[in-house]
PDB file of N, CA and C in Angstrom:
ATOM      1  N   MET A   1      -8.535  18.074  -4.766  1.00  0.00           N
ATOM      2  CA  MET A   1      -7.158  17.588  -4.786  1.00  0.00           C
ATOM      3  C   MET A   1      -6.635  17.744  -6.210  1.00  0.00           C
ATOM      4  N   ARG A   2      -5.453  18.281  -6.326  1.00  0.00           N
ATOM      5  CA  ARG A   2      -4.853  18.500  -7.642  1.00  0.00           C
ATOM      6  C   ARG A   2      -4.284  17.196  -8.205  1.00  0.00           C
ATOM      7  N   ASP A   3      -4.058  17.189  -9.502  1.00  0.00           N
ATOM      8  CA  ASP A   3      -3.396  16.047 -10.139  1.00  0.00           C
ATOM      9  C   ASP A   3      -1.904  16.081  -9.815  1.00  0.00           C
ATOM     10  N   ILE A   4      -1.299  14.936  -9.891  1.00  0.00           N
ATOM     11  CA  ILE A   4       0.133  14.801  -9.629  1.00  0.00           C
ATOM     12  C   ILE A   4       0.928  15.412 -10.794  1.00  0.00           C
ATOM     13  N   LEU A   5       2.076  15.986 -10.496  1.00  0.00           N
ATOM     14  CA  LEU A   5       2.949  16.531 -11.534  1.00  0.00           C
ATOM     15  C   LEU A   5       3.382  15.418 -12.489  1.00  0.00           C
ATOM     16  N   GLU A   6       3.629  15.774 -13.740  1.00  0.00           N
ATOM     17  CA  GLU A   6       4.036  14.776 -14.742  1.00  0.00           C
ATOM     18  C   GLU A   6       5.293  14.019 -14.312  1.00  0.00           C
ATOM     19  N   SER A   7       6.280  14.744 -13.795  1.00  0.00           N
ATOM     20  CA  SER A   7       7.526  14.086 -13.367  1.00  0.00           C
ATOM     21  C   SER A   7       7.267  13.127 -12.202  1.00  0.00           C
ATOM     22  N   ASP A   8       6.385  13.512 -11.292  1.00  0.00           N
ATOM     23  CA  ASP A   8       6.044  12.642 -10.164  1.00  0.00           C
ATOM     24  C   ASP A   8       5.191  11.456 -10.609  1.00  0.00           C
ATOM     25  N   TRP A   9       4.365  11.655 -11.625  1.00  0.00           N
ATOM     26  CA  TRP A   9       3.550  10.566 -12.159  1.00  0.00           C
ATOM     27  C   TRP A   9       4.445   9.454 -12.706  1.00  0.00           C
ATOM     28  N   LYS A  10       5.494   9.838 -13.397  1.00  0.00           N
ATOM     29  CA  LYS A  10       6.430   8.841 -13.933  1.00  0.00           C
ATOM     30  C   LYS A  10       7.098   8.062 -12.803  1.00  0.00           C
ATOM     31  N   ILE A  11       7.470   8.753 -11.745  1.00  0.00           N
ATOM     32  CA  ILE A  11       8.074   8.093 -10.581  1.00  0.00           C
ATOM     33  C   ILE A  11       7.045   7.202  -9.901  1.00  0.00           C
ATOM     34  N   PHE A  12       5.836   7.721  -9.745  1.00  0.00           N
ATOM     35  CA  PHE A  12       4.778   6.975  -9.058  1.00  0.00           C
ATOM     36  C   PHE A  12       4.508   5.632  -9.721  1.00  0.00           C
ATOM     37  N   ARG A  13       4.529   5.601 -11.033  1.00  0.00           N
ATOM     38  CA  ARG A  13       4.238   4.341 -11.729  1.00  0.00           C
ATOM     39  C   ARG A  13       5.212   3.236 -11.332  1.00  0.00           C
ATOM     40  N   THR A  14       6.483   3.561 -11.169  1.00  0.00           N
ATOM     41  CA  THR A  14       7.453   2.533 -10.771  1.00  0.00           C
ATOM     42  C   THR A  14       7.388   2.252  -9.275  1.00  0.00           C
ATOM     43  N   VAL A  15       7.195   3.300  -8.474  1.00  0.00           N
ATOM     44  CA  VAL A  15       7.108   3.113  -7.019  1.00  0.00           C
ATOM     45  C   VAL A  15       5.873   2.291  -6.670  1.00  0.00           C
ATOM     46  N   ARG A  16       4.771   2.552  -7.338  1.00  0.00           N
ATOM     47  CA  ARG A  16       3.527   1.816  -7.080  1.00  0.00           C
ATOM     48  C   ARG A  16       3.724   0.323  -7.334  1.00  0.00           C
ATOM     49  N   GLN A  17       4.414  -0.010  -8.423  1.00  0.00           N
ATOM     50  CA  GLN A  17       4.654  -1.423  -8.748  1.00  0.00           C
ATOM     51  C   GLN A  17       5.482  -2.100  -7.663  1.00  0.00           C
ATOM     52  N   ALA A  18       6.531  -1.439  -7.201  1.00  0.00           N
ATOM     53  CA  ALA A  18       7.376  -2.003  -6.139  1.00  0.00           C
ATOM     54  C   ALA A  18       6.590  -2.132  -4.843  1.00  0.00           C
ATOM     55  N   ALA A  19       5.764  -1.135  -4.544  1.00  0.00           N
ATOM     56  CA  ALA A  19       4.961  -1.164  -3.318  1.00  0.00           C
ATOM     57  C   ALA A  19       3.924  -2.287  -3.371  1.00  0.00           C
ATOM     58  N   LEU A  20       3.317  -2.480  -4.517  1.00  0.00           N
ATOM     59  CA  LEU A  20       2.352  -3.571  -4.681  1.00  0.00           C
ATOM     60  C   LEU A  20       3.028  -4.917  -4.446  1.00  0.00           C
ATOM     61  N   ASP A  21       4.211  -5.083  -4.993  1.00  0.00           N
ATOM     62  CA  ASP A  21       4.952  -6.326  -4.799  1.00  0.00           C
ATOM     63  C   ASP A  21       5.285  -6.536  -3.321  1.00  0.00           C
ATOM     64  N   ARG A  22       5.704  -5.474  -2.632  1.00  0.00           N
ATOM     65  CA  ARG A  22       6.008  -5.582  -1.194  1.00  0.00           C
ATOM     66  C   ARG A  22       4.761  -5.934  -0.391  1.00  0.00           C
ATOM     67  N   TYR A  23       3.647  -5.296  -0.729  1.00  0.00           N
ATOM     68  CA  TYR A  23       2.403  -5.582  -0.008  1.00  0.00           C
ATOM     69  C   TYR A  23       2.013  -7.047  -0.200  1.00  0.00           C
ATOM     70  N   CYS A  24       2.072  -7.526  -1.427  1.00  0.00           N
ATOM     71  CA  CYS A  24       1.715  -8.925  -1.699  1.00  0.00           C
ATOM     72  C   CYS A  24       2.663  -9.888  -0.988  1.00  0.00           C
ATOM     73  N   ALA A  25       3.951  -9.572  -0.950  1.00  0.00           N
ATOM     74  CA  ALA A  25       4.916 -10.416  -0.233  1.00  0.00           C
ATOM     75  C   ALA A  25       4.573 -10.466   1.250  1.00  0.00           C
ATOM     76  N   ARG A  26       4.196  -9.323   1.811  1.00  0.00           N
ATOM     77  CA  ARG A  26       3.810  -9.275   3.226  1.00  0.00           C
ATOM     78  C   ARG A  26       2.592 -10.156   3.488  1.00  0.00           C
ATOM     79  N   VAL A  27       1.601 -10.064   2.615  1.00  0.00           N
ATOM     80  CA  VAL A  27       0.389 -10.871   2.778  1.00  0.00           C
ATOM     81  C   VAL A  27       0.717 -12.354   2.635  1.00  0.00           C
ATOM     82  N   LEU A  28       1.550 -12.703   1.680  1.00  0.00           N
ATOM     83  CA  LEU A  28       1.931 -14.111   1.512  1.00  0.00           C
ATOM     84  C   LEU A  28       2.684 -14.636   2.733  1.00  0.00           C
ATOM     85  N   ASP A  29       3.519 -13.803   3.346  1.00  0.00           N
ATOM     86  CA  ASP A  29       4.198 -14.199   4.585  1.00  0.00           C
ATOM     87  C   ASP A  29       3.186 -14.439   5.700  1.00  0.00           C
ATOM     88  N   GLU A  30       2.177 -13.574   5.783  1.00  0.00           N
ATOM     89  CA  GLU A  30       1.125 -13.763   6.781  1.00  0.00           C
ATOM     90  C   GLU A  30       0.360 -15.058   6.517  1.00  0.00           C
ATOM     91  N   CYS A  31       0.097 -15.349   5.258  1.00  0.00           N
ATOM     92  CA  CYS A  31      -0.591 -16.597   4.895  1.00  0.00           C
ATOM     93  C   CYS A  31       0.232 -17.802   5.334  1.00  0.00           C
ATOM     94  N   ALA A  32       1.514 -17.751   5.070  1.00  0.00           N
ATOM     95  CA  ALA A  32       2.393 -18.861   5.446  1.00  0.00           C
ATOM     96  C   ALA A  32       2.378 -19.074   6.949  1.00  0.00           C
ATOM     97  N   ALA A  33       2.354 -17.989   7.718  1.00  0.00           N
ATOM     98  CA  ALA A  33       2.321 -18.109   9.177  1.00  0.00           C
ATOM     99  C   ALA A  33       1.026 -18.774   9.634  1.00  0.00           C
ATOM    100  N   VAL A  34      -0.084 -18.416   9.019  1.00  0.00           N
ATOM    101  CA  VAL A  34      -1.369 -19.037   9.365  1.00  0.00           C
ATOM    102  C   VAL A  34      -1.333 -20.517   9.006  1.00  0.00           C
ATOM    103  N   ILE A  35      -0.825 -20.838   7.848  1.00  0.00           N
ATOM    104  CA  ILE A  35      -0.779 -22.230   7.390  1.00  0.00           C
ATOM    105  C   ILE A  35       0.113 -23.083   8.288  1.00  0.00           C
ATOM    106  N   ARG A  36       1.219 -22.512   8.764  1.00  0.00           N
ATOM    107  CA  ARG A  36       2.155 -23.265   9.614  1.00  0.00           C
ATOM    108  C   ARG A  36       1.659 -23.462  11.045  1.00  0.00           C
ATOM    109  N   ASP A  37       0.639 -22.744  11.452  1.00  0.00           N
ATOM    110  CA  ASP A  37       0.154 -22.809  12.835  1.00  0.00           C
ATOM    111  C   ASP A  37      -0.621 -24.108  13.069  1.00  0.00           C
ATOM    112  N   THR A  38       0.079 -25.120  13.520  1.00  0.00           N
ATOM    113  CA  THR A  38      -0.560 -26.426  13.734  1.00  0.00           C
ATOM    114  C   THR A  38      -1.217 -26.542  15.100  1.00  0.00           C
ATOM    115  N   SER A  39      -1.260 -25.440  15.853  1.00  0.00           N
ATOM    116  CA  SER A  39      -1.915 -25.478  17.165  1.00  0.00           C
ATOM    117  C   SER A  39      -3.436 -25.456  17.034  1.00  0.00           C
ATOM    118  N   VAL A  40      -3.927 -25.201  15.823  1.00  0.00           N
ATOM    119  CA  VAL A  40      -5.373 -25.204  15.579  1.00  0.00           C
ATOM    120  C   VAL A  40      -5.679 -26.181  14.453  1.00  0.00           C
ATOM    121  N   SER A  41      -6.956 -26.513  14.314  1.00  0.00           N
ATOM    122  CA  SER A  41      -7.353 -27.491  13.292  1.00  0.00           C
ATOM    123  C   SER A  41      -7.168 -26.918  11.882  1.00  0.00           C
ATOM    124  N   ASN A  42      -7.154 -27.820  10.930  1.00  0.00           N
ATOM    125  CA  ASN A  42      -7.055 -27.402   9.530  1.00  0.00           C
ATOM    126  C   ASN A  42      -8.205 -26.475   9.150  1.00  0.00           C
ATOM    127  N   HIS A  43      -9.382 -26.793   9.655  1.00  0.00           N
ATOM    128  CA  HIS A  43     -10.544 -25.960   9.349  1.00  0.00           C
ATOM    129  C   HIS A  43     -10.378 -24.558   9.929  1.00  0.00           C
ATOM    130  N   ASP A  44      -9.886 -24.467  11.161  1.00  0.00           N
ATOM    131  CA  ASP A  44      -9.647 -23.155  11.768  1.00  0.00           C
ATOM    132  C   ASP A  44      -8.602 -22.362  10.968  1.00  0.00           C
ATOM    133  N   ARG A  45      -7.567 -23.026  10.523  1.00  0.00           N
ATOM    134  CA  ARG A  45      -6.556 -22.347   9.706  1.00  0.00           C
ATOM    135  C   ARG A  45      -7.157 -21.859   8.393  1.00  0.00           C
ATOM    136  N   TYR A  46      -7.972 -22.708   7.800  1.00  0.00           N
ATOM    137  CA  TYR A  46      -8.642 -22.324   6.562  1.00  0.00           C
ATOM    138  C   TYR A  46      -9.501 -21.077   6.782  1.00  0.00           C
ATOM    139  N   LEU A  47     -10.295 -21.085   7.852  1.00  0.00           N
ATOM    140  CA  LEU A  47     -11.161 -19.937   8.136  1.00  0.00           C
ATOM    141  C   LEU A  47     -10.345 -18.680   8.414  1.00  0.00           C
ATOM    142  N   ARG A  48      -9.270 -18.807   9.169  1.00  0.00           N
ATOM    143  CA  ARG A  48      -8.406 -17.650   9.451  1.00  0.00           C
ATOM    144  C   ARG A  48      -7.798 -17.109   8.159  1.00  0.00           C
ATOM    145  N   LEU A  49      -7.341 -18.025   7.334  1.00  0.00           N
ATOM    146  CA  LEU A  49      -6.732 -17.629   6.069  1.00  0.00           C
ATOM    147  C   LEU A  49      -7.755 -16.928   5.171  1.00  0.00           C
ATOM    148  N   TYR A  50      -8.942 -17.479   5.100  1.00  0.00           N
ATOM    149  CA  TYR A  50      -9.999 -16.890   4.278  1.00  0.00           C
ATOM    150  C   TYR A  50     -10.333 -15.481   4.759  1.00  0.00           C
ATOM    151  N   ARG A  51     -10.542 -15.319   6.055  1.00  0.00           N
ATOM    152  CA  ARG A  51     -10.890 -14.000   6.617  1.00  0.00           C
ATOM    153  C   ARG A  51      -9.755 -12.997   6.414  1.00  0.00           C
ATOM    154  N   MET A  52      -8.538 -13.458   6.654  1.00  0.00           N
ATOM    155  CA  MET A  52      -7.394 -12.573   6.504  1.00  0.00           C
ATOM    156  C   MET A  52      -7.258 -12.110   5.049  1.00  0.00           C
ATOM    157  N   LEU A  53      -7.357 -13.042   4.110  1.00  0.00           N
ATOM    158  CA  LEU A  53      -7.230 -12.677   2.700  1.00  0.00           C
ATOM    159  C   LEU A  53      -8.361 -11.753   2.250  1.00  0.00           C
ATOM    160  N   ASP A  54      -9.539 -11.953   2.787  1.00  0.00           N
ATOM    161  CA  ASP A  54     -10.660 -11.076   2.461  1.00  0.00           C
ATOM    162  C   ASP A  54     -10.349  -9.638   2.889  1.00  0.00           C
ATOM    163  N   LYS A  55      -9.819  -9.479   4.098  1.00  0.00           N
ATOM    164  CA  LYS A  55      -9.453  -8.138   4.595  1.00  0.00           C
ATOM    165  C   LYS A  55      -8.286  -7.558   3.805  1.00  0.00           C
ATOM    166  N   ARG A  56      -7.265  -8.367   3.564  1.00  0.00           N
ATOM    167  CA  ARG A  56      -6.094  -7.870   2.842  1.00  0.00           C
ATOM    168  C   ARG A  56      -6.444  -7.506   1.405  1.00  0.00           C
ATOM    169  N   ASP A  57      -7.380  -8.253   0.811  1.00  0.00           N
ATOM    170  CA  ASP A  57      -7.807  -7.933  -0.544  1.00  0.00           C
ATOM    171  C   ASP A  57      -8.537  -6.592  -0.585  1.00  0.00           C
ATOM    172  N   ASP A  58      -9.353  -6.317   0.432  1.00  0.00           N
ATOM    173  CA  ASP A  58     -10.016  -5.010   0.516  1.00  0.00           C
ATOM    174  C   ASP A  58      -8.985  -3.891   0.627  1.00  0.00           C
ATOM    175  N   THR A  59      -7.961  -4.121   1.450  1.00  0.00           N
ATOM    176  CA  THR A  59      -6.899  -3.123   1.605  1.00  0.00           C
ATOM    177  C   THR A  59      -6.158  -2.924   0.292  1.00  0.00           C
ATOM    178  N   LEU A  60      -5.828  -4.015  -0.372  1.00  0.00           N
ATOM    179  CA  LEU A  60      -5.140  -3.934  -1.661  1.00  0.00           C
ATOM    180  C   LEU A  60      -5.976  -3.143  -2.664  1.00  0.00           C
ATOM    181  N   ALA A  61      -7.255  -3.426  -2.718  1.00  0.00           N
ATOM    182  CA  ALA A  61      -8.128  -2.735  -3.669  1.00  0.00           C
ATOM    183  C   ALA A  61      -8.183  -1.239  -3.388  1.00  0.00           C
ATOM    184  N   SER A  62      -8.335  -0.860  -2.127  1.00  0.00           N
ATOM    185  CA  SER A  62      -8.447   0.570  -1.819  1.00  0.00           C
ATOM    186  C   SER A  62      -7.126   1.299  -2.025  1.00  0.00           C
ATOM    187  N   ALA A  63      -6.015   0.602  -1.873  1.00  0.00           N
ATOM    188  CA  ALA A  63      -4.707   1.248  -2.007  1.00  0.00           C
ATOM    189  C   ALA A  63      -4.176   1.243  -3.439  1.00  0.00           C
ATOM    190  N   PHE A  64      -4.475   0.210  -4.204  1.00  0.00           N
ATOM    191  CA  PHE A  64      -3.810   0.054  -5.498  1.00  0.00           C
ATOM    192  C   PHE A  64      -4.732   0.100  -6.713  1.00  0.00           C
ATOM    193  N   ASN A  65      -6.017  -0.105  -6.543  1.00  0.00           N
ATOM    194  CA  ASN A  65      -6.927  -0.029  -7.689  1.00  0.00           C
ATOM    195  C   ASN A  65      -7.190   1.439  -8.031  1.00  0.00           C
ATOM    196  N   ASP A  66      -7.879   1.692  -9.106  1.00  0.00           N
ATOM    197  CA  ASP A  66      -8.217   3.050  -9.546  1.00  0.00           C
ATOM    198  C   ASP A  66      -6.950   3.840  -9.865  1.00  0.00           C
ATOM    199  N   PHE A  67      -6.089   3.235 -10.650  1.00  0.00           N
ATOM    200  CA  PHE A  67      -4.771   3.780 -11.003  1.00  0.00           C
ATOM    201  C   PHE A  67      -4.928   4.866 -12.066  1.00  0.00           C
ATOM    202  N   ARG A  68      -5.012   6.134 -11.603  1.00  0.00           N
ATOM    203  CA  ARG A  68      -5.158   7.280 -12.502  1.00  0.00           C
ATOM    204  C   ARG A  68      -4.343   8.445 -11.958  1.00  0.00           C
ATOM    205  N   ARG A  69      -4.001   9.358 -12.815  1.00  0.00           N
ATOM    206  CA  ARG A  69      -3.263  10.551 -12.351  1.00  0.00           C
ATOM    207  C   ARG A  69      -4.070  11.319 -11.321  1.00  0.00           C
ATOM    208  N   SER A  70      -5.379  11.367 -11.507  1.00  0.00           N
ATOM    209  CA  SER A  70      -6.216  12.153 -10.598  1.00  0.00           C
ATOM    210  C   SER A  70      -6.304  11.546  -9.199  1.00  0.00           C
ATOM    211  N   THR A  71      -5.966  10.280  -9.053  1.00  0.00           N
ATOM    212  CA  THR A  71      -6.017   9.632  -7.733  1.00  0.00           C
ATOM    213  C   THR A  71      -4.630   9.286  -7.199  1.00  0.00           C
ATOM    214  N   ALA A  72      -3.593   9.612  -7.942  1.00  0.00           N
ATOM    215  CA  ALA A  72      -2.237   9.177  -7.596  1.00  0.00           C
ATOM    216  C   ALA A  72      -1.765   9.698  -6.240  1.00  0.00           C
ATOM    217  N   LEU A  73      -2.055  10.941  -5.904  1.00  0.00           N
ATOM    218  CA  LEU A  73      -1.585  11.489  -4.626  1.00  0.00           C
ATOM    219  C   LEU A  73      -2.243  10.782  -3.444  1.00  0.00           C
ATOM    220  N   ILE A  74      -3.537  10.532  -3.554  1.00  0.00           N
ATOM    221  CA  ILE A  74      -4.245   9.798  -2.494  1.00  0.00           C
ATOM    222  C   ILE A  74      -3.702   8.379  -2.404  1.00  0.00           C
ATOM    223  N   GLN A  75      -3.492   7.743  -3.545  1.00  0.00           N
ATOM    224  CA  GLN A  75      -2.933   6.387  -3.550  1.00  0.00           C
ATOM    225  C   GLN A  75      -1.545   6.358  -2.937  1.00  0.00           C
ATOM    226  N   LEU A  76      -0.721   7.324  -3.284  1.00  0.00           N
ATOM    227  CA  LEU A  76       0.631   7.372  -2.735  1.00  0.00           C
ATOM    228  C   LEU A  76       0.586   7.522  -1.218  1.00  0.00           C
ATOM    229  N   ALA A  77      -0.296   8.363  -0.723  1.00  0.00           N
ATOM    230  CA  ALA A  77      -0.438   8.517   0.729  1.00  0.00           C
ATOM    231  C   ALA A  77      -0.908   7.210   1.365  1.00  0.00           C
ATOM    232  N   HIS A  78      -1.855   6.551   0.719  1.00  0.00           N
ATOM    233  CA  HIS A  78      -2.382   5.293   1.257  1.00  0.00           C
ATOM    234  C   HIS A  78      -1.297   4.216   1.316  1.00  0.00           C
ATOM    235  N   ILE A  79      -0.542   4.061   0.241  1.00  0.00           N
ATOM    236  CA  ILE A  79       0.479   3.010   0.250  1.00  0.00           C
ATOM    237  C   ILE A  79       1.653   3.389   1.150  1.00  0.00           C
ATOM    238  N   ARG A  80       1.876   4.681   1.329  1.00  0.00           N
ATOM    239  CA  ARG A  80       2.896   5.116   2.298  1.00  0.00           C
ATOM    240  C   ARG A  80       2.438   4.752   3.710  1.00  0.00           C
ATOM    241  N   ARG A  81       1.167   4.972   3.998  1.00  0.00           N
ATOM    242  CA  ARG A  81       0.600   4.631   5.306  1.00  0.00           C
ATOM    243  C   ARG A  81       0.691   3.125   5.568  1.00  0.00           C
ATOM    244  N   LEU A  82       0.605   2.331   4.535  1.00  0.00           N
ATOM    245  CA  LEU A  82       0.727   0.874   4.676  1.00  0.00           C
ATOM    246  C   LEU A  82       2.164   0.437   4.948  1.00  0.00           C
ATOM    247  N   GLY A  83       3.105   1.353   4.773  1.00  0.00           N
ATOM    248  CA  GLY A  83       4.503   1.030   5.039  1.00  0.00           C
ATOM    249  C   GLY A  83       5.204   0.304   3.911  1.00  0.00           C
ATOM    250  N   VAL A  84       4.680   0.423   2.694  1.00  0.00           N
ATOM    251  CA  VAL A  84       5.292  -0.279   1.568  1.00  0.00           C
ATOM    252  C   VAL A  84       5.972   0.671   0.581  1.00  0.00           C
ATOM    253  N   VAL A  85       6.090   1.945   0.956  1.00  0.00           N
ATOM    254  CA  VAL A  85       6.884   2.918   0.203  1.00  0.00           C
ATOM    255  C   VAL A  85       8.025   3.343   1.112  1.00  0.00           C
ATOM    256  N   THR A  86       9.241   3.163   0.658  1.00  0.00           N
ATOM    257  CA  THR A  86      10.409   3.484   1.478  1.00  0.00           C
ATOM    258  C   THR A  86      10.653   4.991   1.518  1.00  0.00           C
ATOM    259  N   ASP A  87      11.442   5.422   2.497  1.00  0.00           N
ATOM    260  CA  ASP A  87      11.842   6.830   2.576  1.00  0.00           C
ATOM    261  C   ASP A  87      12.603   7.237   1.315  1.00  0.00           C
ATOM    262  N   GLU A  88      13.454   6.345   0.845  1.00  0.00           N
ATOM    263  CA  GLU A  88      14.228   6.619  -0.373  1.00  0.00           C
ATOM    264  C   GLU A  88      13.307   6.839  -1.569  1.00  0.00           C
ATOM    265  N   GLU A  89      12.297   5.986  -1.701  1.00  0.00           N
ATOM    266  CA  GLU A  89      11.352   6.140  -2.810  1.00  0.00           C
ATOM    267  C   GLU A  89      10.577   7.447  -2.681  1.00  0.00           C
ATOM    268  N   LEU A  90      10.112   7.760  -1.485  1.00  0.00           N
ATOM    269  CA  LEU A  90       9.383   9.009  -1.283  1.00  0.00           C
ATOM    270  C   LEU A  90      10.270  10.206  -1.612  1.00  0.00           C
ATOM    271  N   GLY A  91      11.547  10.095  -1.305  1.00  0.00           N
ATOM    272  CA  GLY A  91      12.491  11.166  -1.575  1.00  0.00           C
ATOM    273  C   GLY A  91      12.700  11.463  -3.050  1.00  0.00           C
ATOM    274  N   ARG A  92      12.291  10.573  -3.915  1.00  0.00           N
ATOM    275  CA  ARG A  92      12.419  10.782  -5.362  1.00  0.00           C
ATOM    276  C   ARG A  92      11.382  11.764  -5.904  1.00  0.00           C
ATOM    277  N   PHE A  93      10.314  11.984  -5.149  1.00  0.00           N
ATOM    278  CA  PHE A  93       9.238  12.871  -5.593  1.00  0.00           C
ATOM    279  C   PHE A  93       9.596  14.334  -5.327  1.00  0.00           C
ATOM    280  N   SER A  94       8.868  15.227  -5.965  1.00  0.00           N
ATOM    281  CA  SER A  94       9.069  16.660  -5.745  1.00  0.00           C
ATOM    282  C   SER A  94       8.757  17.004  -4.286  1.00  0.00           C
ATOM    283  N   GLN A  95       9.308  18.106  -3.828  1.00  0.00           N
ATOM    284  CA  GLN A  95       9.067  18.543  -2.452  1.00  0.00           C
ATOM    285  C   GLN A  95       7.573  18.756  -2.219  1.00  0.00           C
ATOM    286  N   GLU A  96       6.901  19.327  -3.195  1.00  0.00           N
ATOM    287  CA  GLU A  96       5.460  19.575  -3.085  1.00  0.00           C
ATOM    288  C   GLU A  96       4.695  18.270  -2.846  1.00  0.00           C
ATOM    289  N   THR A  97       5.011  17.253  -3.610  1.00  0.00           N
ATOM    290  CA  THR A  97       4.339  15.959  -3.459  1.00  0.00           C
ATOM    291  C   THR A  97       4.698  15.314  -2.129  1.00  0.00           C
ATOM    292  N   ARG A  98       5.956  15.361  -1.747  1.00  0.00           N
ATOM    293  CA  ARG A  98       6.370  14.784  -0.456  1.00  0.00           C
ATOM    294  C   ARG A  98       5.627  15.445   0.698  1.00  0.00           C
ATOM    295  N   GLU A  99       5.536  16.767   0.668  1.00  0.00           N
ATOM    296  CA  GLU A  99       4.857  17.485   1.750  1.00  0.00           C
ATOM    297  C   GLU A  99       3.374  17.147   1.798  1.00  0.00           C
ATOM    298  N   LEU A 100       2.734  17.081   0.644  1.00  0.00           N
ATOM    299  CA  LEU A 100       1.314  16.753   0.606  1.00  0.00           C
ATOM    300  C   LEU A 100       1.063  15.330   1.090  1.00  0.00           C
ATOM    301  N   VAL A 101       1.869  14.395   0.637  1.00  0.00           N
ATOM    302  CA  VAL A 101       1.708  12.997   1.053  1.00  0.00           C
ATOM    303  C   VAL A 101       1.937  12.861   2.555  1.00  0.00           C
ATOM    304  N   THR A 102       2.953  13.525   3.068  1.00  0.00           N
ATOM    305  CA  THR A 102       3.226  13.479   4.506  1.00  0.00           C
ATOM    306  C   THR A 102       2.056  14.061   5.288  1.00  0.00           C
ATOM    307  N   ALA A 103       1.492  15.168   4.817  1.00  0.00           N
ATOM    308  CA  ALA A 103       0.335  15.766   5.486  1.00  0.00           C
ATOM    309  C   ALA A 103      -0.862  14.823   5.450  1.00  0.00           C
ATOM    310  N   LEU A 104      -1.089  14.165   4.324  1.00  0.00           N
ATOM    311  CA  LEU A 104      -2.201  13.218   4.222  1.00  0.00           C
ATOM    312  C   LEU A 104      -2.010  12.023   5.154  1.00  0.00           C
ATOM    313  N   VAL A 105      -0.781  11.562   5.280  1.00  0.00           N
ATOM    314  CA  VAL A 105      -0.499  10.402   6.136  1.00  0.00           C
ATOM    315  C   VAL A 105      -0.626  10.767   7.610  1.00  0.00           C
ATOM    316  N   THR A 106      -0.087  11.921   7.989  1.00  0.00           N
ATOM    317  CA  THR A 106      -0.060  12.303   9.410  1.00  0.00           C
ATOM    318  C   THR A 106      -1.292  13.079   9.845  1.00  0.00           C
ATOM    319  N   GLY A 107      -2.007  13.651   8.886  1.00  0.00           N
ATOM    320  CA  GLY A 107      -3.151  14.489   9.227  1.00  0.00           C
ATOM    321  C   GLY A 107      -2.746  15.881   9.681  1.00  0.00           C
ATOM    322  N   ASP A 108      -1.471  16.232   9.515  1.00  0.00           N
ATOM    323  CA  ASP A 108      -0.947  17.532   9.947  1.00  0.00           C
ATOM    324  C   ASP A 108      -0.899  18.477   8.749  1.00  0.00           C
ATOM    325  N   PHE A 109      -1.929  19.305   8.619  1.00  0.00           N
ATOM    326  CA  PHE A 109      -2.009  20.239   7.503  1.00  0.00           C
ATOM    327  C   PHE A 109      -1.621  21.651   7.912  1.00  0.00           C
ATOM    328  N   GLY A 110      -1.103  21.799   9.145  1.00  0.00           N
ATOM    329  CA  GLY A 110      -0.762  23.123   9.676  1.00  0.00           C
ATOM    330  C   GLY A 110       0.506  23.586   9.185  1.00  0.00           C
TER     331      GLY A 110
END
């Protein structure tokens, strides 16, 4: 996999930050929903919250950690797959990067 273009790297740095914030907001909303669910015991809510955060933390790590130019295209595809990169943000990248990210997300390399 090639490194990201310099111009796309500059865009990626800002898009990644916004995507990370969106992902965290989504997880916090999920946490709030678990906490508000009074149909189960406090202990059950605690266990659900713990398990959910453990999974979401793994997802966050695989999508947002290892922040380097050499991994930026894979990261961009991963965070796009998570639904935290908007069409508008993706449109800011070069055509080459958009096509590669779309192929990585859809698996359509034809």
